[in-house]
């Protein structure tokens, strides 16, 4: 029932002008109480909106990102916190929503943090090219063991400890240290 004193589209429920599309105490009809939110006259859980016949979490739905009908496409194809983003390069959503890459660079969905591995007794930093390093010289970090061990299945690139510590060795250590384990151990 509408009244002349109500805004267009409002309905009088218990003597009060009510928007049945948004009023959680009168959702869709007078007296229909929602425990969550009223969205387009439908009861939805908190944080959801009624879109295309269903209650949707618009903070993470790729087809309804931030609002009904806002589709995430192309490189910005993932909905994170109600915004379309590219998880391959987004520093706040690197590889997945909510994965922060502070102090580094998000590249190909992987957080790359500049090399900052303790040197231990190695003749040069594991983050710099140079002569071959002795297996185990980095002490408790054990990056050189992971990289150079020829007697286990962990040996990734033994030439780093027999021939030269090349830019490939540095890159492999950075990948092991930062991306895979958050440390070489």
Foldseek 3Di string as FASTA:
>chain_A
DDDPVEDPCWDQAPNDTHNLQWDQCAQLHHRNHEPATRAGSDHDHHCWHQEPHDTDNLQWDQCAQLHHRDHADDQQRTRHGSGRHRLQWDQCRQLHHRDHQPQATRHGSFRQHQDDQAQAQWPDRLQDKWAATAQCRSPPLRLSCQDQPPVDPSNNHNCSRVGISDNVSNVVSSCCCVGPPVTND
